[in-house]
């Protein structure tokens, strides 16, 4: 199944899956490593990890109902920064789960965690990769990112931003340092 079929499957399946609270819930999507996901080392290509993580963020937007506001207002999802740590390779035909959740947010951006997890032969979980992503929704007409208070209101969810863990703070500091180096 190529990526477009995965996207189509995700959209159709979202109508049959339970609603997701973007502040508290974790999106879980099951995949398998197919031959078109491989690189020359015969494991999943590092770029494919990032592409599948797009689907995790899309699942949250779809199942939280945020997609309605995105279409209505013409907003565009934008990833500003990302960091990944590869732990174990994913070989051909290996099943795995992509877990996506929002860790915290600022006025106009969220920090999300993506975890790709497979199972060992004894059934225990194997963390194959973990990533942090800073993203937001951009309004092209207004030329600004949408505030989190408005996004939460659009989904009917209330919540305060959880405190950022040390890994998130280090990620955001590194991103600011890299931004100032440009």
C-alpha atoms as a PDB file:
ATOM      1  CA  UNK A   1       0.000   0.000   0.000  1.00  0.00           C
ATOM      2  CA  UNK A   2       1.534   3.317  -0.948  1.00  0.00           C
ATOM      3  CA  UNK A   3       1.291   6.498   1.111  1.00  0.00           C
ATOM      4  CA  UNK A   4      -1.824   7.833  -0.647  1.00  0.00           C
ATOM      5  CA  UNK A   5      -3.666   4.616   0.148  1.00  0.00           C
ATOM      6  CA  UNK A   6      -2.554   4.960   3.765  1.00  0.00           C
ATOM      7  CA  UNK A   7      -3.937   8.522   3.827  1.00  0.00           C
ATOM      8  CA  UNK A   8      -7.224   7.427   2.264  1.00  0.00           C
ATOM      9  CA  UNK A   9      -7.506   4.540   4.724  1.00  0.00           C
ATOM     10  CA  UNK A  10      -6.816   6.928   7.613  1.00  0.00           C
ATOM     11  CA  UNK A  11      -9.538   9.355   6.503  1.00  0.00           C
ATOM     12  CA  UNK A  12     -12.167   6.645   5.989  1.00  0.00           C
ATOM     13  CA  UNK A  13     -11.264   4.842   9.230  1.00  0.00           C
ATOM     14  CA  UNK A  14     -11.476   8.087  11.224  1.00  0.00           C
ATOM     15  CA  UNK A  15     -15.258   8.112  10.718  1.00  0.00           C
ATOM     16  CA  UNK A  16     -15.522   4.746  12.488  1.00  0.00           C
ATOM     17  CA  UNK A  17     -13.024   5.289  15.267  1.00  0.00           C
ATOM     18  CA  UNK A  18     -13.868   7.035  18.550  1.00  0.00           C
ATOM     19  CA  UNK A  19     -13.508  10.787  18.929  1.00  0.00           C
ATOM     20  CA  UNK A  20     -10.145  11.807  20.303  1.00  0.00           C
ATOM     21  CA  UNK A  21      -9.474  14.474  22.936  1.00  0.00           C
ATOM     22  CA  UNK A  22      -6.334  16.145  21.567  1.00  0.00           C
ATOM     23  CA  UNK A  23      -5.211  17.301  25.017  1.00  0.00           C
ATOM     24  CA  UNK A  24      -5.493  13.980  26.845  1.00  0.00           C
ATOM     25  CA  UNK A  25      -5.657  11.100  24.363  1.00  0.00           C
ATOM     26  CA  UNK A  26      -3.024   9.217  22.376  1.00  0.00           C
ATOM     27  CA  UNK A  27      -3.543   8.430  18.694  1.00  0.00           C
ATOM     28  CA  UNK A  28      -2.519   4.868  17.871  1.00  0.00           C
ATOM     29  CA  UNK A  29      -2.155   3.782  14.252  1.00  0.00           C
ATOM     30  CA  UNK A  30      -1.030   0.305  13.201  1.00  0.00           C
ATOM     31  CA  UNK A  31       1.265  -0.160  10.227  1.00  0.00           C
ATOM     32  CA  UNK A  32       3.496  -2.718   8.585  1.00  0.00           C
ATOM     33  CA  UNK A  33       6.828  -2.077   6.838  1.00  0.00           C
ATOM     34  CA  UNK A  34       6.250  -2.664   3.126  1.00  0.00           C
ATOM     35  CA  UNK A  35       8.949  -2.952   0.433  1.00  0.00           C
ATOM     36  CA  UNK A  36       8.372   0.634  -0.763  1.00  0.00           C
ATOM     37  CA  UNK A  37       9.217   1.835   2.803  1.00  0.00           C
ATOM     38  CA  UNK A  38      12.757   0.399   2.614  1.00  0.00           C
ATOM     39  CA  UNK A  39      16.096   1.990   1.872  1.00  0.00           C
ATOM     40  CA  UNK A  40      19.220   0.319   0.494  1.00  0.00           C
ATOM     41  CA  UNK A  41      20.021  -1.105   3.949  1.00  0.00           C
ATOM     42  CA  UNK A  42      16.757  -3.073   3.783  1.00  0.00           C
ATOM     43  CA  UNK A  43      15.133  -1.367   6.756  1.00  0.00           C
ATOM     44  CA  UNK A  44      12.577   1.422   6.910  1.00  0.00           C
ATOM     45  CA  UNK A  45      13.927   4.593   5.358  1.00  0.00           C
ATOM     46  CA  UNK A  46      14.467   7.424   7.850  1.00  0.00           C
ATOM     47  CA  UNK A  47      12.359   9.751   5.708  1.00  0.00           C
ATOM     48  CA  UNK A  48       9.428   7.326   5.910  1.00  0.00           C
ATOM     49  CA  UNK A  49       9.386   7.719   9.710  1.00  0.00           C
ATOM     50  CA  UNK A  50       8.704  11.447   9.260  1.00  0.00           C
ATOM     51  CA  UNK A  51       6.058  10.779   6.612  1.00  0.00           C
ATOM     52  CA  UNK A  52       4.186   8.326   8.829  1.00  0.00           C
ATOM     53  CA  UNK A  53       4.350  10.813  11.707  1.00  0.00           C
ATOM     54  CA  UNK A  54       2.385  13.206   9.466  1.00  0.00           C
ATOM     55  CA  UNK A  55      -0.371  10.589   9.559  1.00  0.00           C
ATOM     56  CA  UNK A  56      -0.311  10.533  13.359  1.00  0.00           C
ATOM     57  CA  UNK A  57      -0.820  14.303  13.475  1.00  0.00           C
ATOM     58  CA  UNK A  58      -3.529  14.014  10.821  1.00  0.00           C
ATOM     59  CA  UNK A  59      -5.325  11.380  12.886  1.00  0.00           C
ATOM     60  CA  UNK A  60      -5.455  13.777  15.837  1.00  0.00           C
ATOM     61  CA  UNK A  61      -6.820  16.562  13.620  1.00  0.00           C
ATOM     62  CA  UNK A  62      -9.455  14.275  12.102  1.00  0.00           C
ATOM     63  CA  UNK A  63     -10.644  12.496  15.228  1.00  0.00           C
ATOM     64  CA  UNK A  64     -10.706  15.645  17.377  1.00  0.00           C
ATOM     65  CA  UNK A  65     -12.918  17.420  14.838  1.00  0.00           C
ATOM     66  CA  UNK A  66     -10.298  20.092  14.194  1.00  0.00           C
ATOM     67  CA  UNK A  67     -10.334  19.253  10.481  1.00  0.00           C
ATOM     68  CA  UNK A  68     -13.664  21.101  10.114  1.00  0.00           C
ATOM     69  CA  UNK A  69     -12.117  24.394  11.274  1.00  0.00           C
ATOM     70  CA  UNK A  70      -9.017  23.780   9.141  1.00  0.00           C
ATOM     71  CA  UNK A  71     -11.140  23.404   6.008  1.00  0.00           C
ATOM     72  CA  UNK A  72     -13.550  26.216   6.924  1.00  0.00           C
ATOM     73  CA  UNK A  73     -10.797  28.767   7.550  1.00  0.00           C
ATOM     74  CA  UNK A  74      -8.206  27.501   5.054  1.00  0.00           C
ATOM     75  CA  UNK A  75      -5.561  26.925   7.729  1.00  0.00           C
ATOM     76  CA  UNK A  76      -2.405  24.988   6.904  1.00  0.00           C
ATOM     77  CA  UNK A  77      -0.594  22.622   9.289  1.00  0.00           C
ATOM     78  CA  UNK A  78       3.094  23.567   9.522  1.00  0.00           C
ATOM     79  CA  UNK A  79       5.926  21.718  11.245  1.00  0.00           C
ATOM     80  CA  UNK A  80       8.586  24.149  12.435  1.00  0.00           C
ATOM     81  CA  UNK A  81      11.041  21.761  14.038  1.00  0.00           C
ATOM     82  CA  UNK A  82      11.595  18.093  14.681  1.00  0.00           C
ATOM     83  CA  UNK A  83      14.072  15.831  16.388  1.00  0.00           C
ATOM     84  CA  UNK A  84      14.188  12.049  16.192  1.00  0.00           C
ATOM     85  CA  UNK A  85      16.085   9.317  17.997  1.00  0.00           C
ATOM     86  CA  UNK A  86      16.280   5.995  16.174  1.00  0.00           C
ATOM     87  CA  UNK A  87      16.627   3.088  18.604  1.00  0.00           C
ATOM     88  CA  UNK A  88      15.936  -0.139  16.712  1.00  0.00           C
ATOM     89  CA  UNK A  89      15.511  -0.709  12.998  1.00  0.00           C
ATOM     90  CA  UNK A  90      12.220  -1.740  11.442  1.00  0.00           C
ATOM     91  CA  UNK A  91      12.783  -4.590   8.986  1.00  0.00           C
ATOM     92  CA  UNK A  92      10.536  -5.622   6.056  1.00  0.00           C
ATOM     93  CA  UNK A  93       6.982  -6.742   6.910  1.00  0.00           C
ATOM     94  CA  UNK A  94       7.410  -5.871  10.594  1.00  0.00           C
ATOM     95  CA  UNK A  95       4.192  -4.672  12.257  1.00  0.00           C
ATOM     96  CA  UNK A  96       4.425  -1.579  14.448  1.00  0.00           C
ATOM     97  CA  UNK A  97       2.269   1.052  16.093  1.00  0.00           C
ATOM     98  CA  UNK A  98       2.677   4.801  15.758  1.00  0.00           C
ATOM     99  CA  UNK A  99       1.661   6.567  18.977  1.00  0.00           C
ATOM    100  CA  UNK A 100       1.137  10.331  18.729  1.00  0.00           C
ATOM    101  CA  UNK A 101       0.267  12.697  21.549  1.00  0.00           C
ATOM    102  CA  UNK A 102       0.454  16.363  22.426  1.00  0.00           C
ATOM    103  CA  UNK A 103       2.907  16.966  25.261  1.00  0.00           C
ATOM    104  CA  UNK A 104       2.461  20.712  25.773  1.00  0.00           C
ATOM    105  CA  UNK A 105       1.801  23.936  23.912  1.00  0.00           C
ATOM    106  CA  UNK A 106       2.585  27.635  23.799  1.00  0.00           C
ATOM    107  CA  UNK A 107       0.399  30.456  22.514  1.00  0.00           C
ATOM    108  CA  UNK A 108       0.495  29.242  18.922  1.00  0.00           C
ATOM    109  CA  UNK A 109       2.398  25.959  18.711  1.00  0.00           C
ATOM    110  CA  UNK A 110       2.160  22.445  20.090  1.00  0.00           C
ATOM    111  CA  UNK A 111       4.927  20.024  20.931  1.00  0.00           C
ATOM    112  CA  UNK A 112       4.003  16.485  19.990  1.00  0.00           C
ATOM    113  CA  UNK A 113       5.662  13.173  20.694  1.00  0.00           C
ATOM    114  CA  UNK A 114       5.706  10.329  18.174  1.00  0.00           C
ATOM    115  CA  UNK A 115       6.693   6.836  19.233  1.00  0.00           C
ATOM    116  CA  UNK A 116       7.073   3.896  16.845  1.00  0.00           C
ATOM    117  CA  UNK A 117       6.673   0.700  18.843  1.00  0.00           C
ATOM    118  CA  UNK A 118       6.865  -2.936  17.763  1.00  0.00           C
ATOM    119  CA  UNK A 119       6.712  -6.174  19.751  1.00  0.00           C
ATOM    120  CA  UNK A 120       9.473  -8.620  20.571  1.00  0.00           C
ATOM    121  CA  UNK A 121       8.915 -12.363  20.234  1.00  0.00           C
ATOM    122  CA  UNK A 122       7.845 -12.539  23.888  1.00  0.00           C
ATOM    123  CA  UNK A 123       5.293  -9.740  23.355  1.00  0.00           C
ATOM    124  CA  UNK A 124       7.187  -7.035  25.215  1.00  0.00           C
ATOM    125  CA  UNK A 125       7.252  -3.599  23.556  1.00  0.00           C
ATOM    126  CA  UNK A 126      10.268  -2.396  21.583  1.00  0.00           C
ATOM    127  CA  UNK A 127      10.687   1.355  21.133  1.00  0.00           C
ATOM    128  CA  UNK A 128      11.982   1.656  17.575  1.00  0.00           C
ATOM    129  CA  UNK A 129      12.043   5.457  17.384  1.00  0.00           C
ATOM    130  CA  UNK A 130      10.896   8.495  19.327  1.00  0.00           C
ATOM    131  CA  UNK A 131      10.501  12.017  17.967  1.00  0.00           C
ATOM    132  CA  UNK A 132       9.480  15.462  19.146  1.00  0.00           C
ATOM    133  CA  UNK A 133       7.828  17.888  16.746  1.00  0.00           C
ATOM    134  CA  UNK A 134       6.920  21.559  17.154  1.00  0.00           C
ATOM    135  CA  UNK A 135       3.973  22.436  14.920  1.00  0.00           C
ATOM    136  CA  UNK A 136       1.106  24.870  14.472  1.00  0.00           C
ATOM    137  CA  UNK A 137      -1.731  25.849  12.185  1.00  0.00           C
ATOM    138  CA  UNK A 138      -1.001  28.798   9.928  1.00  0.00           C
ATOM    139  CA  UNK A 139      -3.598  31.223   8.583  1.00  0.00           C
ATOM    140  CA  UNK A 140      -2.331  32.359   5.175  1.00  0.00           C
ATOM    141  CA  UNK A 141      -4.861  35.208   4.963  1.00  0.00           C
ATOM    142  CA  UNK A 142      -3.919  36.659   8.353  1.00  0.00           C
ATOM    143  CA  UNK A 143      -0.244  35.658   7.939  1.00  0.00           C
ATOM    144  CA  UNK A 144      -0.059  34.336  11.479  1.00  0.00           C
ATOM    145  CA  UNK A 145      -0.250  31.127  13.470  1.00  0.00           C
ATOM    146  CA  UNK A 146      -3.578  30.343  15.123  1.00  0.00           C
ATOM    147  CA  UNK A 147      -3.633  30.702  18.902  1.00  0.00           C
ATOM    148  CA  UNK A 148      -4.086  27.582  20.999  1.00  0.00           C
ATOM    149  CA  UNK A 149      -7.064  29.078  22.835  1.00  0.00           C
ATOM    150  CA  UNK A 150      -8.887  29.351  19.501  1.00  0.00           C
ATOM    151  CA  UNK A 151      -7.881  25.818  18.438  1.00  0.00           C
ATOM    152  CA  UNK A 152      -9.115  24.350  21.704  1.00  0.00           C
ATOM    153  CA  UNK A 153     -12.376  26.282  21.387  1.00  0.00           C
ATOM    154  CA  UNK A 154     -12.843  24.932  17.830  1.00  0.00           C
ATOM    155  CA  UNK A 155     -12.662  21.357  19.174  1.00  0.00           C
ATOM    156  CA  UNK A 156     -14.733  22.066  22.279  1.00  0.00           C
ATOM    157  CA  UNK A 157     -11.866  21.039  24.535  1.00  0.00           C
ATOM    158  CA  UNK A 158     -10.600  22.862  27.572  1.00  0.00           C
ATOM    159  CA  UNK A 159      -7.237  22.454  29.184  1.00  0.00           C
ATOM    160  CA  UNK A 160      -4.135  24.104  30.459  1.00  0.00           C
ATOM    161  CA  UNK A 161      -0.784  23.417  28.844  1.00  0.00           C
ATOM    162  CA  UNK A 162       0.999  20.665  30.762  1.00  0.00           C
ATOM    163  CA  UNK A 163       4.425  21.550  32.110  1.00  0.00           C
ATOM    164  CA  UNK A 164       7.145  20.775  29.605  1.00  0.00           C
ATOM    165  CA  UNK A 165       9.403  17.902  30.585  1.00  0.00           C
ATOM    166  CA  UNK A 166      13.188  18.303  30.486  1.00  0.00           C
ATOM    167  CA  UNK A 167      13.424  16.638  27.061  1.00  0.00           C
ATOM    168  CA  UNK A 168      10.866  19.096  25.650  1.00  0.00           C
ATOM    169  CA  UNK A 169      12.641  22.092  27.167  1.00  0.00           C
ATOM    170  CA  UNK A 170      15.977  20.890  25.740  1.00  0.00           C
ATOM    171  CA  UNK A 171      14.331  20.349  22.330  1.00  0.00           C
ATOM    172  CA  UNK A 172      12.840  23.868  22.322  1.00  0.00           C
ATOM    173  CA  UNK A 173      16.136  25.436  23.445  1.00  0.00           C
ATOM    174  CA  UNK A 174      18.003  23.602  20.677  1.00  0.00           C
ATOM    175  CA  UNK A 175      15.400  24.753  18.160  1.00  0.00           C
ATOM    176  CA  UNK A 176      15.761  28.394  19.288  1.00  0.00           C
ATOM    177  CA  UNK A 177      19.554  28.119  19.107  1.00  0.00           C
ATOM    178  CA  UNK A 178      19.385  26.694  15.590  1.00  0.00           C
ATOM    179  CA  UNK A 179      16.884  29.363  14.542  1.00  0.00           C
ATOM    180  CA  UNK A 180      19.226  32.135  15.702  1.00  0.00           C
ATOM    181  CA  UNK A 181      22.163  30.545  13.821  1.00  0.00           C
ATOM    182  CA  UNK A 182      20.446  31.019  10.449  1.00  0.00           C
END
